[in-house]
Amino acid sequence: MGEETKDLKERLLTEYTPAILIAYIEKLENINNTLNKA
């Protein structure tokens, strides 16, 4: 039971962390573009 939870946790981290990072980077780029236009 414990091992399954660990595997699931690792899978969630590897699958979702990149998506979160990409969204964060896109957000930063949008802010940067807005500042450059101002």
PDB file of N, CA and C in Angstrom:
ATOM      1  N   MET A   1       0.837  -1.206   0.000  1.00  0.00           N
ATOM      2  CA  MET A   1       0.000   0.000   0.000  1.00  0.00           C
ATOM      3  C   MET A   1       0.870   1.253   0.000  1.00  0.00           C
ATOM      4  N   GLY A   2       1.865   1.274   0.878  1.00  0.00           N
ATOM      5  CA  GLY A   2       2.753   2.439   0.961  1.00  0.00           C
ATOM      6  C   GLY A   2       3.510   2.684  -0.335  1.00  0.00           C
ATOM      7  N   GLU A   3       3.962   1.585  -0.964  1.00  0.00           N
ATOM      8  CA  GLU A   3       4.720   1.723  -2.212  1.00  0.00           C
ATOM      9  C   GLU A   3       3.846   2.297  -3.328  1.00  0.00           C
ATOM     10  N   GLU A   4       2.588   1.851  -3.392  1.00  0.00           N
ATOM     11  CA  GLU A   4       1.687   2.359  -4.431  1.00  0.00           C
ATOM     12  C   GLU A   4       1.493   3.860  -4.289  1.00  0.00           C
ATOM     13  N   THR A   5       1.348   4.306  -3.041  1.00  0.00           N
ATOM     14  CA  THR A   5       1.159   5.739  -2.793  1.00  0.00           C
ATOM     15  C   THR A   5       2.391   6.508  -3.240  1.00  0.00           C
ATOM     16  N   LYS A   6       3.566   5.962  -2.957  1.00  0.00           N
ATOM     17  CA  LYS A   6       4.821   6.615  -3.332  1.00  0.00           C
ATOM     18  C   LYS A   6       4.923   6.711  -4.856  1.00  0.00           C
ATOM     19  N   ASP A   7       4.605   5.602  -5.545  1.00  0.00           N
ATOM     20  CA  ASP A   7       4.665   5.602  -7.003  1.00  0.00           C
ATOM     21  C   ASP A   7       3.703   6.624  -7.597  1.00  0.00           C
ATOM     22  N   LEU A   8       2.495   6.682  -7.044  1.00  0.00           N
ATOM     23  CA  LEU A   8       1.490   7.629  -7.530  1.00  0.00           C
ATOM     24  C   LEU A   8       1.975   9.052  -7.328  1.00  0.00           C
ATOM     25  N   LYS A   9       2.565   9.302  -6.152  1.00  0.00           N
ATOM     26  CA  LYS A   9       3.061  10.638  -5.837  1.00  0.00           C
ATOM     27  C   LYS A   9       4.154  11.039  -6.826  1.00  0.00           C
ATOM     28  N   GLU A  10       5.073  10.128  -7.088  1.00  0.00           N
ATOM     29  CA  GLU A  10       6.165  10.422  -8.021  1.00  0.00           C
ATOM     30  C   GLU A  10       5.632  10.651  -9.426  1.00  0.00           C
ATOM     31  N   ARG A  11       4.627   9.849  -9.819  1.00  0.00           N
ATOM     32  CA  ARG A  11       4.056  10.004 -11.153  1.00  0.00           C
ATOM     33  C   ARG A  11       3.364  11.353 -11.281  1.00  0.00           C
ATOM     34  N   LEU A  12       2.632  11.741 -10.232  1.00  0.00           N
ATOM     35  CA  LEU A  12       1.952  13.033 -10.256  1.00  0.00           C
ATOM     36  C   LEU A  12       2.971  14.163 -10.358  1.00  0.00           C
ATOM     37  N   LEU A  13       4.060  14.046  -9.591  1.00  0.00           N
ATOM     38  CA  LEU A  13       5.089  15.086  -9.616  1.00  0.00           C
ATOM     39  C   LEU A  13       5.708  15.201 -11.003  1.00  0.00           C
ATOM     40  N   THR A  14       6.065  14.068 -11.610  1.00  0.00           N
ATOM     41  CA  THR A  14       6.722  14.126 -12.909  1.00  0.00           C
ATOM     42  C   THR A  14       5.769  14.566 -14.011  1.00  0.00           C
ATOM     43  N   GLU A  15       4.475  14.228 -13.878  1.00  0.00           N
ATOM     44  CA  GLU A  15       3.530  14.594 -14.934  1.00  0.00           C
ATOM     45  C   GLU A  15       3.026  16.026 -14.814  1.00  0.00           C
ATOM     46  N   TYR A  16       2.857  16.503 -13.579  1.00  0.00           N
ATOM     47  CA  TYR A  16       2.224  17.811 -13.416  1.00  0.00           C
ATOM     48  C   TYR A  16       3.195  18.951 -13.171  1.00  0.00           C
ATOM     49  N   THR A  17       4.367  18.666 -12.618  1.00  0.00           N
ATOM     50  CA  THR A  17       5.311  19.749 -12.349  1.00  0.00           C
ATOM     51  C   THR A  17       5.699  20.500 -13.628  1.00  0.00           C
ATOM     52  N   PRO A  18       6.027  19.810 -14.737  1.00  0.00           N
ATOM     53  CA  PRO A  18       6.364  20.548 -15.956  1.00  0.00           C
ATOM     54  C   PRO A  18       5.236  21.463 -16.417  1.00  0.00           C
ATOM     55  N   ALA A  19       3.995  21.011 -16.311  1.00  0.00           N
ATOM     56  CA  ALA A  19       2.856  21.829 -16.725  1.00  0.00           C
ATOM     57  C   ALA A  19       2.767  23.089 -15.875  1.00  0.00           C
ATOM     58  N   ILE A  20       3.011  22.931 -14.572  1.00  0.00           N
ATOM     59  CA  ILE A  20       2.972  24.084 -13.668  1.00  0.00           C
ATOM     60  C   ILE A  20       4.097  25.053 -14.025  1.00  0.00           C
ATOM     61  N   LEU A  21       5.284  24.516 -14.282  1.00  0.00           N
ATOM     62  CA  LEU A  21       6.426  25.363 -14.637  1.00  0.00           C
ATOM     63  C   LEU A  21       6.163  26.105 -15.938  1.00  0.00           C
ATOM     64  N   ILE A  22       5.619  25.410 -16.932  1.00  0.00           N
ATOM     65  CA  ILE A  22       5.330  26.036 -18.224  1.00  0.00           C
ATOM     66  C   ILE A  22       4.316  27.161 -18.048  1.00  0.00           C
ATOM     67  N   ALA A  23       3.266  26.905 -17.267  1.00  0.00           N
ATOM     68  CA  ALA A  23       2.250  27.931 -17.033  1.00  0.00           C
ATOM     69  C   ALA A  23       2.863  29.135 -16.328  1.00  0.00           C
ATOM     70  N   TYR A  24       3.754  28.864 -15.367  1.00  0.00           N
ATOM     71  CA  TYR A  24       4.406  29.938 -14.614  1.00  0.00           C
ATOM     72  C   TYR A  24       5.290  30.774 -15.533  1.00  0.00           C
ATOM     73  N   ILE A  25       6.058  30.100 -16.392  1.00  0.00           N
ATOM     74  CA  ILE A  25       6.942  30.800 -17.331  1.00  0.00           C
ATOM     75  C   ILE A  25       6.120  31.639 -18.305  1.00  0.00           C
ATOM     76  N   GLU A  26       5.009  31.080 -18.802  1.00  0.00           N
ATOM     77  CA  GLU A  26       4.159  31.836 -19.727  1.00  0.00           C
ATOM     78  C   GLU A  26       3.601  33.072 -19.045  1.00  0.00           C
ATOM     79  N   LYS A  27       3.228  32.928 -17.774  1.00  0.00           N
ATOM     80  CA  LYS A  27       2.694  34.054 -17.017  1.00  0.00           C
ATOM     81  C   LYS A  27       3.753  35.146 -16.904  1.00  0.00           C
ATOM     82  N   LEU A  28       4.986  34.736 -16.593  1.00  0.00           N
ATOM     83  CA  LEU A  28       6.078  35.706 -16.480  1.00  0.00           C
ATOM     84  C   LEU A  28       6.325  36.400 -17.816  1.00  0.00           C
ATOM     85  N   GLU A  29       6.265  35.644 -18.904  1.00  0.00           N
ATOM     86  CA  GLU A  29       6.478  36.233 -20.227  1.00  0.00           C
ATOM     87  C   GLU A  29       5.383  37.234 -20.554  1.00  0.00           C
ATOM     88  N   ASN A  30       4.147  36.919 -20.185  1.00  0.00           N
ATOM     89  CA  ASN A  30       3.034  37.841 -20.427  1.00  0.00           C
ATOM     90  C   ASN A  30       3.238  39.136 -19.660  1.00  0.00           C
ATOM     91  N   ILE A  31       3.679  39.025 -18.403  1.00  0.00           N
ATOM     92  CA  ILE A  31       3.941  40.217 -17.585  1.00  0.00           C
ATOM     93  C   ILE A  31       5.057  41.031 -18.230  1.00  0.00           C
ATOM     94  N   ASN A  32       6.093  40.342 -18.679  1.00  0.00           N
ATOM     95  CA  ASN A  32       7.236  40.998 -19.304  1.00  0.00           C
ATOM     96  C   ASN A  32       6.800  41.741 -20.565  1.00  0.00           C
ATOM     97  N   ASN A  33       5.971  41.094 -21.394  1.00  0.00           N
ATOM     98  CA  ASN A  33       5.482  41.727 -22.620  1.00  0.00           C
ATOM     99  C   ASN A  33       4.646  42.958 -22.301  1.00  0.00           C
ATOM    100  N   THR A  34       3.826  42.862 -21.274  1.00  0.00           N
ATOM    101  CA  THR A  34       2.980  43.988 -20.874  1.00  0.00           C
ATOM    102  C   THR A  34       3.839  45.164 -20.436  1.00  0.00           C
ATOM    103  N   LEU A  35       4.886  44.872 -19.676  1.00  0.00           N
ATOM    104  CA  LEU A  35       5.776  45.936 -19.200  1.00  0.00           C
ATOM    105  C   LEU A  35       6.520  46.578 -20.369  1.00  0.00           C
ATOM    106  N   ASN A  36       6.928  45.766 -21.338  1.00  0.00           N
ATOM    107  CA  ASN A  36       7.660  46.293 -22.482  1.00  0.00           C
ATOM    108  C   ASN A  36       6.792  47.214 -23.338  1.00  0.00           C
ATOM    109  N   LYS A  37       5.500  46.923 -23.427  1.00  0.00           N
ATOM    110  CA  LYS A  37       4.595  47.740 -24.237  1.00  0.00           C
ATOM    111  C   LYS A  37       4.273  49.065 -23.559  1.00  0.00           C
ATOM    112  N   ALA A  38       4.338  49.073 -22.231  1.00  0.00           N
ATOM    113  CA  ALA A  38       3.946  50.266 -21.473  1.00  0.00           C
ATOM    114  C   ALA A  38       4.860  51.449 -21.795  1.00  0.00           C
TER     115      ALA A  38
END
